N, C-alpha and C. Protein backbone atom coordinates (compact mmCIF):
# COMPACT_ATOMS: atom_id res chain seq x y z
N UNK A 1 -41.06 33.15 71.87
CA UNK A 1 -40.58 32.62 73.12
C UNK A 1 -39.22 31.98 72.88
N UNK A 2 -38.21 32.52 73.56
CA UNK A 2 -36.83 32.07 73.34
C UNK A 2 -36.59 30.67 73.89
N UNK A 3 -36.97 30.41 75.11
CA UNK A 3 -36.80 29.09 75.70
C UNK A 3 -38.16 28.41 75.82
N UNK A 4 -38.25 27.24 75.29
CA UNK A 4 -39.51 26.52 75.36
C UNK A 4 -39.64 25.84 76.73
N UNK A 5 -40.79 25.23 76.94
CA UNK A 5 -41.05 24.57 78.21
C UNK A 5 -40.08 23.41 78.45
N UNK A 6 -39.75 22.67 77.37
CA UNK A 6 -38.83 21.54 77.47
C UNK A 6 -37.45 22.01 77.91
N UNK A 7 -37.00 23.12 77.39
CA UNK A 7 -35.68 23.65 77.75
C UNK A 7 -35.63 24.06 79.22
N UNK A 8 -36.72 24.57 79.76
CA UNK A 8 -36.75 24.94 81.18
C UNK A 8 -36.61 23.70 82.06
N UNK A 9 -37.24 22.62 81.67
CA UNK A 9 -37.14 21.37 82.45
C UNK A 9 -35.72 20.85 82.44
N UNK A 10 -35.06 20.88 81.29
CA UNK A 10 -33.68 20.41 81.18
C UNK A 10 -32.76 21.30 82.01
N UNK A 11 -32.94 22.59 81.94
CA UNK A 11 -32.13 23.51 82.73
C UNK A 11 -32.35 23.31 84.23
N UNK A 12 -33.58 23.03 84.63
CA UNK A 12 -33.88 22.79 86.04
C UNK A 12 -33.17 21.52 86.54
N UNK A 13 -33.21 20.46 85.75
CA UNK A 13 -32.54 19.19 86.14
C UNK A 13 -31.03 19.38 86.21
N UNK A 14 -30.46 20.07 85.22
CA UNK A 14 -29.01 20.31 85.25
C UNK A 14 -28.61 21.20 86.43
N UNK A 15 -29.43 22.17 86.76
CA UNK A 15 -29.15 23.04 87.90
C UNK A 15 -29.18 22.27 89.21
N UNK A 16 -30.18 21.41 89.38
CA UNK A 16 -30.26 20.60 90.59
C UNK A 16 -29.07 19.63 90.70
N UNK A 17 -28.64 19.07 89.57
CA UNK A 17 -27.48 18.17 89.57
C UNK A 17 -26.22 18.93 89.97
N UNK A 18 -26.03 20.12 89.43
CA UNK A 18 -24.86 20.93 89.80
C UNK A 18 -24.91 21.32 91.28
N UNK A 19 -26.10 21.67 91.77
CA UNK A 19 -26.23 22.01 93.18
C UNK A 19 -25.90 20.81 94.08
N UNK A 20 -26.39 19.63 93.72
CA UNK A 20 -26.10 18.41 94.49
C UNK A 20 -24.62 18.06 94.45
N UNK A 21 -23.97 18.26 93.32
CA UNK A 21 -22.54 17.99 93.21
C UNK A 21 -21.74 18.92 94.11
N UNK A 22 -22.06 20.20 94.08
CA UNK A 22 -21.34 21.18 94.90
C UNK A 22 -21.57 20.90 96.39
N UNK A 23 -22.80 20.58 96.79
CA UNK A 23 -23.09 20.28 98.20
C UNK A 23 -22.36 19.03 98.67
N UNK A 24 -22.29 17.99 97.83
CA UNK A 24 -21.56 16.77 98.19
C UNK A 24 -20.07 17.06 98.28
N UNK A 25 -19.56 17.89 97.39
CA UNK A 25 -18.15 18.24 97.41
C UNK A 25 -17.78 18.99 98.69
N UNK A 26 -18.68 19.82 99.17
CA UNK A 26 -18.42 20.59 100.39
C UNK A 26 -18.59 19.73 101.64
N UNK A 27 -19.68 18.98 101.72
CA UNK A 27 -19.99 18.25 102.94
C UNK A 27 -19.25 16.92 103.08
N UNK A 28 -19.13 16.15 101.99
CA UNK A 28 -18.53 14.82 102.09
C UNK A 28 -17.69 14.53 100.84
N UNK A 29 -16.48 15.07 100.75
CA UNK A 29 -15.68 14.87 99.54
C UNK A 29 -15.20 13.41 99.35
N UNK A 30 -15.01 12.68 100.45
CA UNK A 30 -14.57 11.28 100.29
C UNK A 30 -15.65 10.42 99.65
N UNK A 31 -16.91 10.72 99.93
CA UNK A 31 -18.01 10.00 99.29
C UNK A 31 -17.99 10.24 97.78
N UNK A 32 -17.68 11.45 97.38
CA UNK A 32 -17.60 11.79 95.96
C UNK A 32 -16.46 11.02 95.28
N UNK A 33 -15.31 10.91 95.97
CA UNK A 33 -14.18 10.16 95.42
C UNK A 33 -14.53 8.68 95.32
N UNK A 34 -15.21 8.17 96.36
CA UNK A 34 -15.61 6.76 96.36
C UNK A 34 -16.56 6.46 95.20
N UNK A 35 -17.53 7.34 94.98
CA UNK A 35 -18.49 7.15 93.89
C UNK A 35 -17.79 7.24 92.53
N UNK A 36 -16.81 8.12 92.41
CA UNK A 36 -16.07 8.22 91.14
C UNK A 36 -15.29 6.94 90.88
N UNK A 37 -14.67 6.37 91.92
CA UNK A 37 -13.94 5.11 91.75
C UNK A 37 -14.87 3.96 91.39
N UNK A 38 -16.04 3.93 92.01
CA UNK A 38 -17.02 2.89 91.66
C UNK A 38 -17.47 3.05 90.22
N UNK A 39 -17.70 4.28 89.80
CA UNK A 39 -18.11 4.54 88.42
C UNK A 39 -17.04 4.07 87.43
N UNK A 40 -15.78 4.36 87.72
CA UNK A 40 -14.68 3.93 86.84
C UNK A 40 -14.56 2.41 86.84
N UNK A 41 -14.72 1.76 87.99
CA UNK A 41 -14.62 0.30 88.06
C UNK A 41 -15.74 -0.37 87.28
N UNK A 42 -16.96 0.12 87.42
CA UNK A 42 -18.09 -0.46 86.68
C UNK A 42 -17.92 -0.22 85.18
N UNK A 43 -17.48 0.96 84.81
CA UNK A 43 -17.21 1.23 83.40
C UNK A 43 -16.12 0.34 82.84
N UNK A 44 -15.06 0.12 83.61
CA UNK A 44 -13.99 -0.78 83.17
C UNK A 44 -14.47 -2.22 83.04
N UNK A 45 -15.36 -2.65 83.95
CA UNK A 45 -15.91 -3.99 83.87
C UNK A 45 -16.76 -4.16 82.62
N UNK A 46 -17.61 -3.17 82.33
CA UNK A 46 -18.42 -3.23 81.12
C UNK A 46 -17.54 -3.22 79.87
N UNK A 47 -16.50 -2.42 79.87
CA UNK A 47 -15.59 -2.37 78.72
C UNK A 47 -14.90 -3.72 78.52
N UNK A 48 -14.45 -4.34 79.60
CA UNK A 48 -13.80 -5.65 79.51
C UNK A 48 -14.76 -6.69 78.97
N UNK A 49 -16.00 -6.71 79.50
CA UNK A 49 -16.99 -7.68 79.02
C UNK A 49 -17.33 -7.45 77.56
N UNK A 50 -17.43 -6.20 77.16
CA UNK A 50 -17.71 -5.89 75.76
C UNK A 50 -16.60 -6.39 74.85
N UNK A 51 -15.36 -6.08 75.20
CA UNK A 51 -14.23 -6.49 74.36
C UNK A 51 -14.09 -8.01 74.35
N UNK A 52 -14.33 -8.66 75.44
CA UNK A 52 -14.13 -10.10 75.58
C UNK A 52 -15.19 -10.90 74.84
N UNK A 53 -16.46 -10.51 74.96
CA UNK A 53 -17.52 -11.34 74.44
C UNK A 53 -18.25 -10.76 73.23
N UNK A 54 -18.56 -9.50 73.25
CA UNK A 54 -19.43 -8.93 72.21
C UNK A 54 -18.65 -8.47 70.99
N UNK A 55 -17.53 -7.81 71.16
CA UNK A 55 -16.80 -7.22 70.03
C UNK A 55 -16.29 -8.29 69.08
N UNK A 56 -15.94 -9.45 69.56
CA UNK A 56 -15.45 -10.51 68.68
C UNK A 56 -16.52 -11.06 67.77
N UNK A 57 -17.77 -11.02 68.22
CA UNK A 57 -18.87 -11.55 67.41
C UNK A 57 -19.37 -10.57 66.36
N UNK A 58 -19.21 -9.29 66.62
CA UNK A 58 -19.77 -8.29 65.72
C UNK A 58 -18.98 -8.13 64.44
N UNK A 59 -17.71 -8.42 64.45
CA UNK A 59 -16.92 -8.26 63.24
C UNK A 59 -15.47 -8.08 63.56
N UNK A 60 -14.69 -7.90 62.50
CA UNK A 60 -13.27 -7.72 62.69
C UNK A 60 -12.51 -9.02 62.78
N UNK A 61 -13.22 -10.12 62.78
CA UNK A 61 -12.55 -11.40 62.83
C UNK A 61 -12.44 -11.97 61.42
N UNK A 62 -11.43 -12.78 61.24
CA UNK A 62 -11.24 -13.44 59.97
C UNK A 62 -12.09 -14.70 59.98
N UNK A 63 -12.65 -15.06 58.83
CA UNK A 63 -13.52 -16.22 58.78
C UNK A 63 -12.75 -17.50 59.08
N UNK A 64 -13.48 -18.52 59.49
CA UNK A 64 -12.86 -19.79 59.85
C UNK A 64 -12.20 -20.47 58.67
N UNK A 65 -12.80 -20.35 57.49
CA UNK A 65 -12.22 -20.97 56.30
C UNK A 65 -10.90 -20.32 55.95
N UNK A 66 -10.81 -19.01 56.10
CA UNK A 66 -9.56 -18.32 55.81
C UNK A 66 -8.47 -18.73 56.79
N UNK A 67 -8.85 -18.84 58.08
CA UNK A 67 -7.87 -19.28 59.07
C UNK A 67 -7.37 -20.68 58.76
N UNK A 68 -8.29 -21.56 58.35
CA UNK A 68 -7.89 -22.92 58.03
C UNK A 68 -6.96 -22.94 56.82
N UNK A 69 -7.26 -22.16 55.80
CA UNK A 69 -6.40 -22.11 54.62
C UNK A 69 -5.04 -21.51 54.97
N UNK A 70 -5.02 -20.51 55.83
CA UNK A 70 -3.74 -19.90 56.23
C UNK A 70 -2.89 -20.90 57.01
N UNK A 71 -3.53 -21.67 57.90
CA UNK A 71 -2.79 -22.69 58.65
C UNK A 71 -2.24 -23.75 57.71
N UNK A 72 -3.06 -24.15 56.73
CA UNK A 72 -2.63 -25.16 55.77
C UNK A 72 -1.44 -24.66 54.96
N UNK A 73 -1.51 -23.42 54.51
CA UNK A 73 -0.41 -22.85 53.72
C UNK A 73 0.86 -22.74 54.56
N UNK A 74 0.71 -22.30 55.79
CA UNK A 74 1.89 -22.18 56.65
C UNK A 74 2.51 -23.54 56.91
N UNK A 75 1.67 -24.53 57.10
CA UNK A 75 2.18 -25.88 57.34
C UNK A 75 2.84 -26.45 56.09
N UNK A 76 2.25 -26.17 54.93
CA UNK A 76 2.76 -26.70 53.67
C UNK A 76 4.11 -26.08 53.32
N UNK A 77 4.23 -24.78 53.50
CA UNK A 77 5.44 -24.08 53.08
C UNK A 77 6.41 -23.85 54.23
N UNK A 78 6.18 -24.47 55.37
CA UNK A 78 7.04 -24.26 56.52
C UNK A 78 8.45 -24.78 56.27
N UNK A 79 8.57 -25.88 55.56
CA UNK A 79 9.90 -26.44 55.31
C UNK A 79 10.67 -25.61 54.27
N UNK A 80 9.95 -24.91 53.39
CA UNK A 80 10.63 -24.13 52.35
C UNK A 80 11.32 -22.90 52.91
N UNK A 81 10.60 -22.14 53.74
CA UNK A 81 11.19 -20.96 54.36
C UNK A 81 10.48 -20.68 55.67
N UNK A 82 11.12 -19.93 56.53
CA UNK A 82 10.55 -19.67 57.84
C UNK A 82 9.63 -18.46 57.84
N UNK A 83 9.62 -17.68 56.81
CA UNK A 83 8.75 -16.51 56.75
C UNK A 83 9.22 -15.57 55.67
N UNK A 84 8.41 -14.58 55.33
CA UNK A 84 8.80 -13.68 54.26
C UNK A 84 10.00 -12.81 54.61
N UNK A 85 10.18 -12.47 55.86
CA UNK A 85 11.30 -11.62 56.22
C UNK A 85 12.56 -12.42 56.57
N UNK A 86 12.38 -13.68 56.95
CA UNK A 86 13.50 -14.48 57.39
C UNK A 86 14.02 -15.43 56.32
N UNK A 87 13.47 -15.35 55.12
CA UNK A 87 13.91 -16.29 54.09
C UNK A 87 15.34 -15.97 53.68
N UNK A 88 16.11 -17.01 53.52
CA UNK A 88 17.52 -16.84 53.16
C UNK A 88 17.72 -17.32 51.73
N UNK A 89 18.53 -16.61 51.02
CA UNK A 89 18.86 -17.03 49.67
C UNK A 89 20.18 -17.80 49.73
N UNK A 90 20.12 -19.03 49.28
CA UNK A 90 21.30 -19.88 49.31
C UNK A 90 21.92 -19.87 47.93
N UNK A 91 23.18 -19.54 47.88
CA UNK A 91 23.88 -19.53 46.61
C UNK A 91 24.35 -20.94 46.29
N UNK A 92 24.13 -21.39 45.06
CA UNK A 92 24.58 -22.74 44.72
C UNK A 92 26.10 -22.82 44.71
N UNK A 93 26.57 -23.97 45.09
CA UNK A 93 28.02 -24.16 45.12
C UNK A 93 28.55 -24.32 43.70
N UNK A 94 29.85 -24.14 43.48
CA UNK A 94 30.41 -24.26 42.13
C UNK A 94 30.28 -25.68 41.57
N UNK A 95 30.22 -26.67 42.43
CA UNK A 95 30.09 -28.04 41.95
C UNK A 95 28.74 -28.25 41.28
N UNK A 96 27.69 -27.64 41.81
CA UNK A 96 26.37 -27.82 41.23
C UNK A 96 26.27 -27.10 39.89
N UNK A 97 26.94 -25.99 39.74
CA UNK A 97 26.91 -25.28 38.46
C UNK A 97 27.67 -26.06 37.40
N UNK A 98 28.71 -26.75 37.79
CA UNK A 98 29.52 -27.46 36.82
C UNK A 98 28.81 -28.69 36.27
N UNK A 99 27.94 -29.30 37.03
CA UNK A 99 27.28 -30.52 36.59
C UNK A 99 25.80 -30.22 36.33
N UNK A 100 25.41 -29.94 35.06
CA UNK A 100 24.03 -29.57 34.78
C UNK A 100 23.06 -30.74 34.95
N UNK A 101 23.49 -31.97 34.73
CA UNK A 101 22.58 -33.10 34.87
C UNK A 101 22.19 -33.30 36.34
N UNK A 102 23.09 -32.99 37.25
CA UNK A 102 22.81 -33.11 38.68
C UNK A 102 21.75 -32.09 39.09
N UNK A 103 21.85 -30.86 38.59
CA UNK A 103 20.89 -29.83 38.97
C UNK A 103 19.51 -30.13 38.38
N UNK A 104 19.46 -30.74 37.20
CA UNK A 104 18.17 -31.10 36.60
C UNK A 104 17.51 -32.24 37.37
N UNK A 105 18.31 -33.15 37.86
CA UNK A 105 17.75 -34.29 38.58
C UNK A 105 17.19 -33.87 39.94
N UNK A 106 17.86 -32.96 40.60
CA UNK A 106 17.37 -32.55 41.92
C UNK A 106 16.26 -31.51 41.81
N UNK A 107 16.21 -30.79 40.73
CA UNK A 107 15.19 -29.77 40.57
C UNK A 107 13.91 -30.42 40.03
N UNK A 108 12.93 -30.54 40.91
CA UNK A 108 11.67 -31.13 40.51
C UNK A 108 10.60 -30.05 40.50
N UNK A 109 9.66 -30.25 39.64
CA UNK A 109 8.57 -29.29 39.55
C UNK A 109 7.61 -29.51 40.72
N UNK A 110 7.37 -28.46 41.46
CA UNK A 110 6.49 -28.56 42.61
C UNK A 110 5.11 -28.02 42.25
N UNK A 111 4.12 -28.61 42.87
CA UNK A 111 2.75 -28.19 42.67
C UNK A 111 2.42 -27.17 43.78
N UNK A 112 2.55 -25.88 43.49
CA UNK A 112 2.44 -24.85 44.51
C UNK A 112 1.05 -24.24 44.64
N UNK A 113 0.07 -24.77 43.95
CA UNK A 113 -1.25 -24.15 44.05
C UNK A 113 -1.99 -24.67 45.28
N UNK A 114 -2.89 -23.83 45.74
CA UNK A 114 -3.69 -24.17 46.92
C UNK A 114 -5.16 -24.10 46.52
N UNK A 115 -5.54 -24.95 45.58
CA UNK A 115 -6.90 -24.94 45.06
C UNK A 115 -7.67 -26.14 45.58
N UNK A 116 -8.97 -25.95 45.70
CA UNK A 116 -9.81 -27.02 46.21
C UNK A 116 -11.02 -27.14 45.30
N UNK A 117 -11.42 -28.35 44.97
CA UNK A 117 -12.57 -28.57 44.12
C UNK A 117 -13.83 -28.50 44.97
N UNK A 118 -14.76 -27.70 44.51
CA UNK A 118 -16.03 -27.56 45.22
C UNK A 118 -17.10 -28.24 44.37
N UNK A 119 -17.78 -29.19 44.99
CA UNK A 119 -18.80 -29.94 44.26
C UNK A 119 -20.04 -29.08 44.10
N UNK A 120 -20.57 -29.04 42.88
CA UNK A 120 -21.75 -28.24 42.62
C UNK A 120 -22.98 -29.10 42.42
N UNK A 121 -24.03 -28.51 41.81
CA UNK A 121 -25.29 -29.21 41.61
C UNK A 121 -25.58 -29.40 40.12
N UNK A 122 -24.59 -29.59 39.29
CA UNK A 122 -24.83 -29.68 37.85
C UNK A 122 -25.70 -30.87 37.49
N UNK A 123 -25.43 -32.02 38.07
CA UNK A 123 -26.15 -33.23 37.69
C UNK A 123 -27.52 -33.37 38.33
N UNK A 124 -27.82 -32.55 39.32
CA UNK A 124 -29.08 -32.70 40.04
C UNK A 124 -30.18 -31.90 39.35
N UNK A 125 -31.37 -32.47 39.32
CA UNK A 125 -32.52 -31.78 38.74
C UNK A 125 -33.24 -31.00 39.82
N UNK A 126 -33.86 -29.92 39.40
CA UNK A 126 -34.59 -29.09 40.35
C UNK A 126 -35.94 -29.73 40.64
N UNK A 127 -36.38 -29.64 41.85
CA UNK A 127 -37.66 -30.18 42.26
C UNK A 127 -38.70 -29.07 42.11
N UNK A 128 -39.42 -29.11 40.99
CA UNK A 128 -40.38 -28.07 40.71
C UNK A 128 -41.81 -28.62 40.79
N UNK A 129 -42.73 -27.75 41.05
CA UNK A 129 -44.13 -28.19 41.17
C UNK A 129 -44.76 -28.40 39.79
N UNK A 130 -44.26 -27.78 38.77
CA UNK A 130 -44.86 -27.90 37.43
C UNK A 130 -44.50 -29.16 36.76
């Protein structure tokens, strides 16, 4: 048997849908346009709600700790340069090259690391039943 009983049911439903579409197109085409616009509006509303509320929670977002560290780094290094593409290289003037003691005095070692100490459980004993 080439077509099973299930396939006949699917073909019957699709045939009735095509017949209904053609009859609506012939008898009342404005109703068909109105229904298409409603379908597009409802789909757009669902898409907006999905993007606004659900997609942000599922993933693709940066963690809060990373955002906080990025803000801290930007704030810390904001005075040094305005960004990786906008950083300007300033050539030292001839007066600064001539006086080496002046350049050593103004050149201070900066602490550029962004490390944080995380407290662990080394000193605490485990609460065991034994």
